[in-house]
mmCIF file of all heavy atoms, coordinates in Angstrom:
data_MODEL
# 
_entry.id   MODEL 
# 
loop_
_atom_site.group_PDB 
_atom_site.id 
_atom_site.type_symbol 
_atom_site.label_atom_id 
_atom_site.label_alt_id 
_atom_site.label_comp_id 
_atom_site.label_asym_id 
_atom_site.label_entity_id 
_atom_site.label_seq_id 
_atom_site.pdbx_PDB_ins_code 
_atom_site.Cartn_x 
_atom_site.Cartn_y 
_atom_site.Cartn_z 
_atom_site.occupancy 
_atom_site.B_iso_or_equiv 
_atom_site.pdbx_formal_charge 
_atom_site.auth_seq_id 
_atom_site.auth_comp_id 
_atom_site.auth_asym_id 
_atom_site.auth_atom_id 
_atom_site.pdbx_PDB_model_num 
ATOM 1   N N   . ILE A 1 1  ? 36.863 -21.310 -27.047 1.00 0.00 ? 1  ILE A N   1 
ATOM 2   C CA  . ILE A 1 1  ? 37.086 -20.806 -25.685 1.00 0.00 ? 1  ILE A CA  1 
ATOM 3   C C   . ILE A 1 1  ? 35.777 -20.805 -24.897 1.00 0.00 ? 1  ILE A C   1 
ATOM 4   O O   . ILE A 1 1  ? 35.773 -21.105 -23.698 1.00 0.00 ? 1  ILE A O   1 
ATOM 5   C CB  . ILE A 1 1  ? 37.765 -19.420 -25.732 1.00 0.00 ? 1  ILE A CB  1 
ATOM 6   C CG1 . ILE A 1 1  ? 39.231 -19.605 -26.156 1.00 0.00 ? 1  ILE A CG1 1 
ATOM 7   C CG2 . ILE A 1 1  ? 37.659 -18.692 -24.401 1.00 0.00 ? 1  ILE A CG2 1 
ATOM 8   C CD1 . ILE A 1 1  ? 40.019 -18.330 -26.328 1.00 0.00 ? 1  ILE A CD1 1 
ATOM 9   N N   . SER A 1 2  ? 34.662 -20.502 -25.550 1.00 0.00 ? 2  SER A N   1 
ATOM 10  C CA  . SER A 1 2  ? 33.361 -20.528 -24.874 1.00 0.00 ? 2  SER A CA  1 
ATOM 11  C C   . SER A 1 2  ? 32.973 -21.958 -24.494 1.00 0.00 ? 2  SER A C   1 
ATOM 12  O O   . SER A 1 2  ? 32.458 -22.189 -23.391 1.00 0.00 ? 2  SER A O   1 
ATOM 13  C CB  . SER A 1 2  ? 32.276 -19.907 -25.749 1.00 0.00 ? 2  SER A CB  1 
ATOM 14  O OG  . SER A 1 2  ? 32.541 -18.545 -25.971 1.00 0.00 ? 2  SER A OG  1 
ATOM 15  N N   . CYS A 1 3  ? 33.208 -22.894 -25.400 1.00 0.00 ? 3  CYS A N   1 
ATOM 16  C CA  . CYS A 1 3  ? 32.934 -24.308 -25.080 1.00 0.00 ? 3  CYS A CA  1 
ATOM 17  C C   . CYS A 1 3  ? 33.753 -24.729 -23.863 1.00 0.00 ? 3  CYS A C   1 
ATOM 18  O O   . CYS A 1 3  ? 33.226 -25.361 -22.938 1.00 0.00 ? 3  CYS A O   1 
ATOM 19  C CB  . CYS A 1 3  ? 33.276 -25.206 -26.267 1.00 0.00 ? 3  CYS A CB  1 
ATOM 20  S SG  . CYS A 1 3  ? 32.129 -25.109 -27.645 1.00 0.00 ? 3  CYS A SG  1 
ATOM 21  N N   . ALA A 1 4  ? 35.017 -24.361 -23.869 1.00 0.00 ? 4  ALA A N   1 
ATOM 22  C CA  . ALA A 1 4  ? 35.878 -24.693 -22.728 1.00 0.00 ? 4  ALA A CA  1 
ATOM 23  C C   . ALA A 1 4  ? 35.380 -24.014 -21.460 1.00 0.00 ? 4  ALA A C   1 
ATOM 24  O O   . ALA A 1 4  ? 35.414 -24.610 -20.372 1.00 0.00 ? 4  ALA A O   1 
ATOM 25  C CB  . ALA A 1 4  ? 37.322 -24.279 -23.029 1.00 0.00 ? 4  ALA A CB  1 
ATOM 26  N N   . GLY A 1 5  ? 34.896 -22.775 -21.584 1.00 0.00 ? 5  GLY A N   1 
ATOM 27  C CA  . GLY A 1 5  ? 34.387 -22.048 -20.429 1.00 0.00 ? 5  GLY A CA  1 
ATOM 28  C C   . GLY A 1 5  ? 33.219 -22.745 -19.760 1.00 0.00 ? 5  GLY A C   1 
ATOM 29  O O   . GLY A 1 5  ? 33.139 -22.808 -18.527 1.00 0.00 ? 5  GLY A O   1 
ATOM 30  N N   . VAL A 1 6  ? 32.298 -23.271 -20.563 1.00 0.00 ? 6  VAL A N   1 
ATOM 31  C CA  . VAL A 1 6  ? 31.156 -23.996 -20.008 1.00 0.00 ? 6  VAL A CA  1 
ATOM 32  C C   . VAL A 1 6  ? 31.654 -25.215 -19.232 1.00 0.00 ? 6  VAL A C   1 
ATOM 33  O O   . VAL A 1 6  ? 31.220 -25.474 -18.104 1.00 0.00 ? 6  VAL A O   1 
ATOM 34  C CB  . VAL A 1 6  ? 30.141 -24.405 -21.104 1.00 0.00 ? 6  VAL A CB  1 
ATOM 35  C CG1 . VAL A 1 6  ? 29.068 -25.330 -20.541 1.00 0.00 ? 6  VAL A CG1 1 
ATOM 36  C CG2 . VAL A 1 6  ? 29.505 -23.172 -21.728 1.00 0.00 ? 6  VAL A CG2 1 
ATOM 37  N N   . HIS A 1 7  ? 32.585 -25.950 -19.812 1.00 0.00 ? 7  HIS A N   1 
ATOM 38  C CA  . HIS A 1 7  ? 33.125 -27.145 -19.144 1.00 0.00 ? 7  HIS A CA  1 
ATOM 39  C C   . HIS A 1 7  ? 33.881 -26.768 -17.868 1.00 0.00 ? 7  HIS A C   1 
ATOM 40  O O   . HIS A 1 7  ? 33.721 -27.418 -16.840 1.00 0.00 ? 7  HIS A O   1 
ATOM 41  C CB  . HIS A 1 7  ? 34.028 -27.932 -20.086 1.00 0.00 ? 7  HIS A CB  1 
ATOM 42  C CG  . HIS A 1 7  ? 33.273 -28.687 -21.125 1.00 0.00 ? 7  HIS A CG  1 
ATOM 43  N ND1 . HIS A 1 7  ? 32.566 -29.833 -20.856 1.00 0.00 ? 7  HIS A ND1 1 
ATOM 44  C CD2 . HIS A 1 7  ? 33.087 -28.442 -22.444 1.00 0.00 ? 7  HIS A CD2 1 
ATOM 45  C CE1 . HIS A 1 7  ? 31.988 -30.279 -21.962 1.00 0.00 ? 7  HIS A CE1 1 
ATOM 46  N NE2 . HIS A 1 7  ? 32.276 -29.443 -22.942 1.00 0.00 ? 7  HIS A NE2 1 
ATOM 47  N N   . ILE A 1 8  ? 34.681 -25.726 -17.946 1.00 0.00 ? 8  ILE A N   1 
ATOM 48  C CA  . ILE A 1 8  ? 35.445 -25.290 -16.769 1.00 0.00 ? 8  ILE A CA  1 
ATOM 49  C C   . ILE A 1 8  ? 34.498 -24.840 -15.666 1.00 0.00 ? 8  ILE A C   1 
ATOM 50  O O   . ILE A 1 8  ? 34.678 -25.198 -14.497 1.00 0.00 ? 8  ILE A O   1 
ATOM 51  C CB  . ILE A 1 8  ? 36.441 -24.174 -17.147 1.00 0.00 ? 8  ILE A CB  1 
ATOM 52  C CG1 . ILE A 1 8  ? 37.566 -24.776 -17.981 1.00 0.00 ? 8  ILE A CG1 1 
ATOM 53  C CG2 . ILE A 1 8  ? 36.997 -23.477 -15.907 1.00 0.00 ? 8  ILE A CG2 1 
ATOM 54  C CD1 . ILE A 1 8  ? 38.486 -23.752 -18.629 1.00 0.00 ? 8  ILE A CD1 1 
ATOM 55  N N   . GLY A 1 9  ? 33.494 -24.058 -16.028 1.00 0.00 ? 9  GLY A N   1 
ATOM 56  C CA  . GLY A 1 9  ? 32.515 -23.626 -15.037 1.00 0.00 ? 9  GLY A CA  1 
ATOM 57  C C   . GLY A 1 9  ? 31.780 -24.796 -14.409 1.00 0.00 ? 9  GLY A C   1 
ATOM 58  O O   . GLY A 1 9  ? 31.517 -24.810 -13.208 1.00 0.00 ? 9  GLY A O   1 
ATOM 59  N N   . ASN A 1 10 ? 31.468 -25.790 -15.224 1.00 0.00 ? 10 ASN A N   1 
ATOM 60  C CA  . ASN A 1 10 ? 30.762 -26.965 -14.736 1.00 0.00 ? 10 ASN A CA  1 
ATOM 61  C C   . ASN A 1 10 ? 31.622 -27.768 -13.771 1.00 0.00 ? 10 ASN A C   1 
ATOM 62  O O   . ASN A 1 10 ? 31.119 -28.325 -12.806 1.00 0.00 ? 10 ASN A O   1 
ATOM 63  C CB  . ASN A 1 10 ? 30.345 -27.823 -15.937 1.00 0.00 ? 10 ASN A CB  1 
ATOM 64  C CG  . ASN A 1 10 ? 29.405 -28.935 -15.558 1.00 0.00 ? 10 ASN A CG  1 
ATOM 65  O OD1 . ASN A 1 10 ? 29.808 -30.073 -15.460 1.00 0.00 ? 10 ASN A OD1 1 
ATOM 66  N ND2 . ASN A 1 10 ? 28.144 -28.589 -15.350 1.00 0.00 ? 10 ASN A ND2 1 
ATOM 67  N N   . VAL A 1 11 ? 32.933 -27.787 -13.999 1.00 0.00 ? 11 VAL A N   1 
ATOM 68  C CA  . VAL A 1 11 ? 33.826 -28.599 -13.180 1.00 0.00 ? 11 VAL A CA  1 
ATOM 69  C C   . VAL A 1 11 ? 34.430 -27.815 -12.018 1.00 0.00 ? 11 VAL A C   1 
ATOM 70  O O   . VAL A 1 11 ? 34.444 -28.267 -10.880 1.00 0.00 ? 11 VAL A O   1 
ATOM 71  C CB  . VAL A 1 11 ? 34.957 -29.207 -14.048 1.00 0.00 ? 11 VAL A CB  1 
ATOM 72  C CG1 . VAL A 1 11 ? 35.983 -29.923 -13.202 1.00 0.00 ? 11 VAL A CG1 1 
ATOM 73  C CG2 . VAL A 1 11 ? 34.375 -30.152 -15.091 1.00 0.00 ? 11 VAL A CG2 1 
ATOM 74  N N   . PHE A 1 12 ? 34.932 -26.617 -12.291 1.00 0.00 ? 12 PHE A N   1 
ATOM 75  C CA  . PHE A 1 12 ? 35.742 -25.913 -11.303 1.00 0.00 ? 12 PHE A CA  1 
ATOM 76  C C   . PHE A 1 12 ? 35.059 -24.750 -10.604 1.00 0.00 ? 12 PHE A C   1 
ATOM 77  O O   . PHE A 1 12 ? 35.576 -24.226 -9.632  1.00 0.00 ? 12 PHE A O   1 
ATOM 78  C CB  . PHE A 1 12 ? 37.022 -25.376 -11.951 1.00 0.00 ? 12 PHE A CB  1 
ATOM 79  C CG  . PHE A 1 12 ? 37.941 -26.452 -12.411 1.00 0.00 ? 12 PHE A CG  1 
ATOM 80  C CD1 . PHE A 1 12 ? 38.101 -26.708 -13.757 1.00 0.00 ? 12 PHE A CD1 1 
ATOM 81  C CD2 . PHE A 1 12 ? 38.632 -27.216 -11.497 1.00 0.00 ? 12 PHE A CD2 1 
ATOM 82  C CE1 . PHE A 1 12 ? 38.948 -27.705 -14.185 1.00 0.00 ? 12 PHE A CE1 1 
ATOM 83  C CE2 . PHE A 1 12 ? 39.483 -28.218 -11.920 1.00 0.00 ? 12 PHE A CE2 1 
ATOM 84  C CZ  . PHE A 1 12 ? 39.643 -28.468 -13.269 1.00 0.00 ? 12 PHE A CZ  1 
ATOM 85  N N   . GLY A 1 13 ? 33.970 -24.258 -11.126 1.00 0.00 ? 13 GLY A N   1 
ATOM 86  C CA  . GLY A 1 13 ? 33.318 -23.131 -10.481 1.00 0.00 ? 13 GLY A CA  1 
ATOM 87  C C   . GLY A 1 13 ? 33.787 -21.800 -11.010 1.00 0.00 ? 13 GLY A C   1 
ATOM 88  O O   . GLY A 1 13 ? 34.435 -21.712 -12.049 1.00 0.00 ? 13 GLY A O   1 
ATOM 89  N N   . ASN A 1 14 ? 33.517 -20.742 -10.266 1.00 0.00 ? 14 ASN A N   1 
ATOM 90  C CA  . ASN A 1 14 ? 33.744 -19.385 -10.766 1.00 0.00 ? 14 ASN A CA  1 
ATOM 91  C C   . ASN A 1 14 ? 35.091 -18.789 -10.375 1.00 0.00 ? 14 ASN A C   1 
ATOM 92  O O   . ASN A 1 14 ? 35.262 -17.582 -10.423 1.00 0.00 ? 14 ASN A O   1 
ATOM 93  C CB  . ASN A 1 14 ? 32.605 -18.472 -10.327 1.00 0.00 ? 14 ASN A CB  1 
ATOM 94  C CG  . ASN A 1 14 ? 32.498 -18.359 -8.820  1.00 0.00 ? 14 ASN A CG  1 
ATOM 95  O OD1 . ASN A 1 14 ? 33.289 -18.931 -8.090  1.00 0.00 ? 14 ASN A OD1 1 
ATOM 96  N ND2 . ASN A 1 14 ? 31.504 -17.635 -8.370  1.00 0.00 ? 14 ASN A ND2 1 
ATOM 97  N N   . ARG A 1 15 ? 36.062 -19.588 -10.026 1.00 0.00 ? 15 ARG A N   1 
ATOM 98  C CA  . ARG A 1 15 ? 37.375 -19.069 -9.632  1.00 0.00 ? 15 ARG A CA  1 
ATOM 99  C C   . ARG A 1 15 ? 38.098 -18.345 -10.749 1.00 0.00 ? 15 ARG A C   1 
ATOM 100 O O   . ARG A 1 15 ? 38.912 -17.467 -10.486 1.00 0.00 ? 15 ARG A O   1 
ATOM 101 C CB  . ARG A 1 15 ? 38.259 -20.204 -9.126  1.00 0.00 ? 15 ARG A CB  1 
ATOM 102 C CG  . ARG A 1 15 ? 37.848 -20.702 -7.762  1.00 0.00 ? 15 ARG A CG  1 
ATOM 103 C CD  . ARG A 1 15 ? 38.753 -21.804 -7.358  1.00 0.00 ? 15 ARG A CD  1 
ATOM 104 N NE  . ARG A 1 15 ? 37.987 -23.029 -7.577  1.00 0.00 ? 15 ARG A NE  1 
ATOM 105 C CZ  . ARG A 1 15 ? 38.452 -24.238 -7.466  1.00 0.00 ? 15 ARG A CZ  1 
ATOM 106 N NH1 . ARG A 1 15 ? 39.703 -24.430 -7.150  1.00 0.00 ? 15 ARG A NH1 1 
ATOM 107 N NH2 . ARG A 1 15 ? 37.696 -25.274 -7.670  1.00 0.00 ? 15 ARG A NH2 1 
ATOM 108 N N   . PHE A 1 16 ? 37.852 -18.693 -12.010 1.00 0.00 ? 16 PHE A N   1 
ATOM 109 C CA  . PHE A 1 16 ? 38.620 -18.148 -13.126 1.00 0.00 ? 16 PHE A CA  1 
ATOM 110 C C   . PHE A 1 16 ? 37.936 -16.993 -13.849 1.00 0.00 ? 16 PHE A C   1 
ATOM 111 O O   . PHE A 1 16 ? 38.550 -16.344 -14.677 1.00 0.00 ? 16 PHE A O   1 
ATOM 112 C CB  . PHE A 1 16 ? 38.920 -19.249 -14.149 1.00 0.00 ? 16 PHE A CB  1 
ATOM 113 C CG  . PHE A 1 16 ? 39.681 -20.394 -13.565 1.00 0.00 ? 16 PHE A CG  1 
ATOM 114 C CD1 . PHE A 1 16 ? 39.078 -21.627 -13.425 1.00 0.00 ? 16 PHE A CD1 1 
ATOM 115 C CD2 . PHE A 1 16 ? 40.980 -20.231 -13.148 1.00 0.00 ? 16 PHE A CD2 1 
ATOM 116 C CE1 . PHE A 1 16 ? 39.769 -22.691 -12.891 1.00 0.00 ? 16 PHE A CE1 1 
ATOM 117 C CE2 . PHE A 1 16 ? 41.681 -21.293 -12.603 1.00 0.00 ? 16 PHE A CE2 1 
ATOM 118 C CZ  . PHE A 1 16 ? 41.079 -22.528 -12.474 1.00 0.00 ? 16 PHE A CZ  1 
ATOM 119 N N   . GLU A 1 17 ? 36.676 -16.756 -13.574 1.00 0.00 ? 17 GLU A N   1 
ATOM 120 C CA  . GLU A 1 17 ? 35.893 -15.774 -14.341 1.00 0.00 ? 17 GLU A CA  1 
ATOM 121 C C   . GLU A 1 17 ? 36.535 -14.391 -14.325 1.00 0.00 ? 17 GLU A C   1 
ATOM 122 O O   . GLU A 1 17 ? 36.764 -13.780 -15.370 1.00 0.00 ? 17 GLU A O   1 
ATOM 123 C CB  . GLU A 1 17 ? 34.483 -15.713 -13.762 1.00 0.00 ? 17 GLU A CB  1 
ATOM 124 C CG  . GLU A 1 17 ? 33.602 -14.693 -14.426 1.00 0.00 ? 17 GLU A CG  1 
ATOM 125 C CD  . GLU A 1 17 ? 32.249 -14.616 -13.752 1.00 0.00 ? 17 GLU A CD  1 
ATOM 126 O OE1 . GLU A 1 17 ? 32.004 -15.301 -12.746 1.00 0.00 ? 17 GLU A OE1 1 
ATOM 127 O OE2 . GLU A 1 17 ? 31.430 -13.839 -14.251 1.00 0.00 ? 17 GLU A OE2 1 
ATOM 128 N N   . ARG A 1 18 ? 36.841 -13.860 -13.179 1.00 0.00 ? 18 ARG A N   1 
ATOM 129 C CA  . ARG A 1 18 ? 37.407 -12.516 -13.051 1.00 0.00 ? 18 ARG A CA  1 
ATOM 130 C C   . ARG A 1 18 ? 38.793 -12.443 -13.704 1.00 0.00 ? 18 ARG A C   1 
ATOM 131 O O   . ARG A 1 18 ? 39.117 -11.504 -14.404 1.00 0.00 ? 18 ARG A O   1 
ATOM 132 C CB  . ARG A 1 18 ? 37.486 -12.126 -11.583 1.00 0.00 ? 18 ARG A CB  1 
ATOM 133 C CG  . ARG A 1 18 ? 38.079 -10.750 -11.377 1.00 0.00 ? 18 ARG A CG  1 
ATOM 134 C CD  . ARG A 1 18 ? 37.995 -10.338 -9.953  1.00 0.00 ? 18 ARG A CD  1 
ATOM 135 N NE  . ARG A 1 18 ? 36.588 -10.043 -9.685  1.00 0.00 ? 18 ARG A NE  1 
ATOM 136 C CZ  . ARG A 1 18 ? 36.122 -9.630  -8.532  1.00 0.00 ? 18 ARG A CZ  1 
ATOM 137 N NH1 . ARG A 1 18 ? 36.932 -9.482  -7.518  1.00 0.00 ? 18 ARG A NH1 1 
ATOM 138 N NH2 . ARG A 1 18 ? 34.852 -9.361  -8.381  1.00 0.00 ? 18 ARG A NH2 1 
ATOM 139 N N   . TYR A 1 19 ? 39.607 -13.476 -13.491 1.00 0.00 ? 19 TYR A N   1 
ATOM 140 C CA  . TYR A 1 19 ? 40.963 -13.481 -14.042 1.00 0.00 ? 19 TYR A CA  1 
ATOM 141 C C   . TYR A 1 19 ? 40.954 -13.529 -15.569 1.00 0.00 ? 19 TYR A C   1 
ATOM 142 O O   . TYR A 1 19 ? 41.812 -12.936 -16.218 1.00 0.00 ? 19 TYR A O   1 
ATOM 143 C CB  . TYR A 1 19 ? 41.768 -14.643 -13.474 1.00 0.00 ? 19 TYR A CB  1 
ATOM 144 C CG  . TYR A 1 19 ? 41.906 -14.566 -11.972 1.00 0.00 ? 19 TYR A CG  1 
ATOM 145 C CD1 . TYR A 1 19 ? 41.311 -15.518 -11.167 1.00 0.00 ? 19 TYR A CD1 1 
ATOM 146 C CD2 . TYR A 1 19 ? 42.604 -13.520 -11.374 1.00 0.00 ? 19 TYR A CD2 1 
ATOM 147 C CE1 . TYR A 1 19 ? 41.416 -15.444 -9.783  1.00 0.00 ? 19 TYR A CE1 1 
ATOM 148 C CE2 . TYR A 1 19 ? 42.721 -13.440 -9.999  1.00 0.00 ? 19 TYR A CE2 1 
ATOM 149 C CZ  . TYR A 1 19 ? 42.132 -14.403 -9.207  1.00 0.00 ? 19 TYR A CZ  1 
ATOM 150 O OH  . TYR A 1 19 ? 42.240 -14.321 -7.849  1.00 0.00 ? 19 TYR A OH  1 
ATOM 151 N N   . ALA A 1 20 ? 39.989 -14.238 -16.132 1.00 0.00 ? 20 ALA A N   1 
ATOM 152 C CA  . ALA A 1 20 ? 39.886 -14.315 -17.592 1.00 0.00 ? 20 ALA A CA  1 
ATOM 153 C C   . ALA A 1 20 ? 39.603 -12.948 -18.192 1.00 0.00 ? 20 ALA A C   1 
ATOM 154 O O   . ALA A 1 20 ? 40.200 -12.563 -19.198 1.00 0.00 ? 20 ALA A O   1 
ATOM 155 C CB  . ALA A 1 20 ? 38.793 -15.309 -17.999 1.00 0.00 ? 20 ALA A CB  1 
ATOM 156 N N   . ALA A 1 21 ? 38.703 -12.200 -17.585 1.00 0.00 ? 21 ALA A N   1 
ATOM 157 C CA  . ALA A 1 21 ? 38.361 -10.870 -18.106 1.00 0.00 ? 21 ALA A CA  1 
ATOM 158 C C   . ALA A 1 21 ? 39.553 -9.919  -17.945 1.00 0.00 ? 21 ALA A C   1 
ATOM 159 O O   . ALA A 1 21 ? 39.838 -9.116  -18.840 1.00 0.00 ? 21 ALA A O   1 
ATOM 160 C CB  . ALA A 1 21 ? 37.132 -10.322 -17.391 1.00 0.00 ? 21 ALA A CB  1 
ATOM 161 N N   . ILE A 1 22 ? 40.252 -9.983  -16.821 1.00 0.00 ? 22 ILE A N   1 
ATOM 162 C CA  . ILE A 1 22 ? 41.434 -9.137  -16.620 1.00 0.00 ? 22 ILE A CA  1 
ATOM 163 C C   . ILE A 1 22 ? 42.502 -9.491  -17.647 1.00 0.00 ? 22 ILE A C   1 
ATOM 164 O O   . ILE A 1 22 ? 43.108 -8.611  -18.267 1.00 0.00 ? 22 ILE A O   1 
ATOM 165 C CB  . ILE A 1 22 ? 41.963 -9.274  -15.178 1.00 0.00 ? 22 ILE A CB  1 
ATOM 166 C CG1 . ILE A 1 22 ? 40.964 -8.666  -14.188 1.00 0.00 ? 22 ILE A CG1 1 
ATOM 167 C CG2 . ILE A 1 22 ? 43.340 -8.636  -15.025 1.00 0.00 ? 22 ILE A CG2 1 
ATOM 168 C CD1 . ILE A 1 22 ? 41.267 -8.953  -12.724 1.00 0.00 ? 22 ILE A CD1 1 
ATOM 169 N N   . PHE A 1 23 ? 42.738 -10.792 -17.848 1.00 0.00 ? 23 PHE A N   1 
ATOM 170 C CA  . PHE A 1 23 ? 43.724 -11.238 -18.830 1.00 0.00 ? 23 PHE A CA  1 
ATOM 171 C C   . PHE A 1 23 ? 43.363 -10.737 -20.227 1.00 0.00 ? 23 PHE A C   1 
ATOM 172 O O   . PHE A 1 23 ? 44.221 -10.225 -20.955 1.00 0.00 ? 23 PHE A O   1 
ATOM 173 C CB  . PHE A 1 23 ? 43.816 -12.771 -18.820 1.00 0.00 ? 23 PHE A CB  1 
ATOM 174 C CG  . PHE A 1 23 ? 44.709 -13.323 -19.896 1.00 0.00 ? 23 PHE A CG  1 
ATOM 175 C CD1 . PHE A 1 23 ? 46.077 -13.230 -19.804 1.00 0.00 ? 23 PHE A CD1 1 
ATOM 176 C CD2 . PHE A 1 23 ? 44.156 -13.938 -21.015 1.00 0.00 ? 23 PHE A CD2 1 
ATOM 177 C CE1 . PHE A 1 23 ? 46.895 -13.735 -20.799 1.00 0.00 ? 23 PHE A CE1 1 
ATOM 178 C CE2 . PHE A 1 23 ? 44.968 -14.457 -22.014 1.00 0.00 ? 23 PHE A CE2 1 
ATOM 179 C CZ  . PHE A 1 23 ? 46.343 -14.352 -21.907 1.00 0.00 ? 23 PHE A CZ  1 
ATOM 180 N N   . GLY A 1 24 ? 42.100 -10.862 -20.601 1.00 0.00 ? 24 GLY A N   1 
ATOM 181 C CA  . GLY A 1 24 ? 41.664 -10.401 -21.928 1.00 0.00 ? 24 GLY A CA  1 
ATOM 182 C C   . GLY A 1 24 ? 41.885 -8.906  -22.098 1.00 0.00 ? 24 GLY A C   1 
ATOM 183 O O   . GLY A 1 24 ? 42.334 -8.451  -23.152 1.00 0.00 ? 24 GLY A O   1 
ATOM 184 N N   . GLY A 1 25 ? 41.589 -8.116  -21.069 1.00 0.00 ? 25 GLY A N   1 
ATOM 185 C CA  . GLY A 1 25 ? 41.812 -6.669  -21.126 1.00 0.00 ? 25 GLY A CA  1 
ATOM 186 C C   . GLY A 1 25 ? 43.284 -6.328  -21.291 1.00 0.00 ? 25 GLY A C   1 
ATOM 187 O O   . GLY A 1 25 ? 43.663 -5.477  -22.104 1.00 0.00 ? 25 GLY A O   1 
ATOM 188 N N   . ILE A 1 26 ? 44.145 -7.009  -20.542 1.00 0.00 ? 26 ILE A N   1 
ATOM 189 C CA  . ILE A 1 26 ? 45.587 -6.772  -20.640 1.00 0.00 ? 26 ILE A CA  1 
ATOM 190 C C   . ILE A 1 26 ? 46.104 -7.138  -22.024 1.00 0.00 ? 26 ILE A C   1 
ATOM 191 O O   . ILE A 1 26 ? 46.917 -6.400  -22.613 1.00 0.00 ? 26 ILE A O   1 
ATOM 192 C CB  . ILE A 1 26 ? 46.340 -7.540  -19.530 1.00 0.00 ? 26 ILE A CB  1 
ATOM 193 C CG1 . ILE A 1 26 ? 46.016 -6.925  -18.158 1.00 0.00 ? 26 ILE A CG1 1 
ATOM 194 C CG2 . ILE A 1 26 ? 47.846 -7.547  -19.778 1.00 0.00 ? 26 ILE A CG2 1 
ATOM 195 C CD1 . ILE A 1 26 ? 46.504 -7.750  -16.982 1.00 0.00 ? 26 ILE A CD1 1 
ATOM 196 N N   . VAL A 1 27 ? 45.622 -8.251  -22.570 1.00 0.00 ? 27 VAL A N   1 
ATOM 197 C CA  . VAL A 1 27 ? 46.049 -8.671  -23.910 1.00 0.00 ? 27 VAL A CA  1 
ATOM 198 C C   . VAL A 1 27 ? 45.678 -7.606  -24.945 1.00 0.00 ? 27 VAL A C   1 
ATOM 199 O O   . VAL A 1 27 ? 46.501 -7.233  -25.792 1.00 0.00 ? 27 VAL A O   1 
ATOM 200 C CB  . VAL A 1 27 ? 45.426 -10.046 -24.287 1.00 0.00 ? 27 VAL A CB  1 
ATOM 201 C CG1 . VAL A 1 27 ? 45.556 -10.336 -25.769 1.00 0.00 ? 27 VAL A CG1 1 
ATOM 202 C CG2 . VAL A 1 27 ? 46.083 -11.152 -23.474 1.00 0.00 ? 27 VAL A CG2 1 
ATOM 203 N N   . LEU A 1 28 ? 44.464 -7.082  -24.888 1.00 0.00 ? 28 LEU A N   1 
ATOM 204 C CA  . LEU A 1 28 ? 44.043 -6.072  -25.860 1.00 0.00 ? 28 LEU A CA  1 
ATOM 205 C C   . LEU A 1 28 ? 44.870 -4.792  -25.736 1.00 0.00 ? 28 LEU A C   1 
ATOM 206 O O   . LEU A 1 28 ? 45.265 -4.198  -26.746 1.00 0.00 ? 28 LEU A O   1 
ATOM 207 C CB  . LEU A 1 28 ? 42.556 -5.766  -25.718 1.00 0.00 ? 28 LEU A CB  1 
ATOM 208 C CG  . LEU A 1 28 ? 41.615 -6.894  -26.152 1.00 0.00 ? 28 LEU A CG  1 
ATOM 209 C CD1 . LEU A 1 28 ? 40.174 -6.518  -25.889 1.00 0.00 ? 28 LEU A CD1 1 
ATOM 210 C CD2 . LEU A 1 28 ? 41.821 -7.255  -27.611 1.00 0.00 ? 28 LEU A CD2 1 
# 
């Protein structure tokens, strides 16, 4: 997931950062 994060950040920018943390919190 971290490897994918670097690639996603490199390509798409920071649009997903906040949503990923919220999703992780909800999952836990």
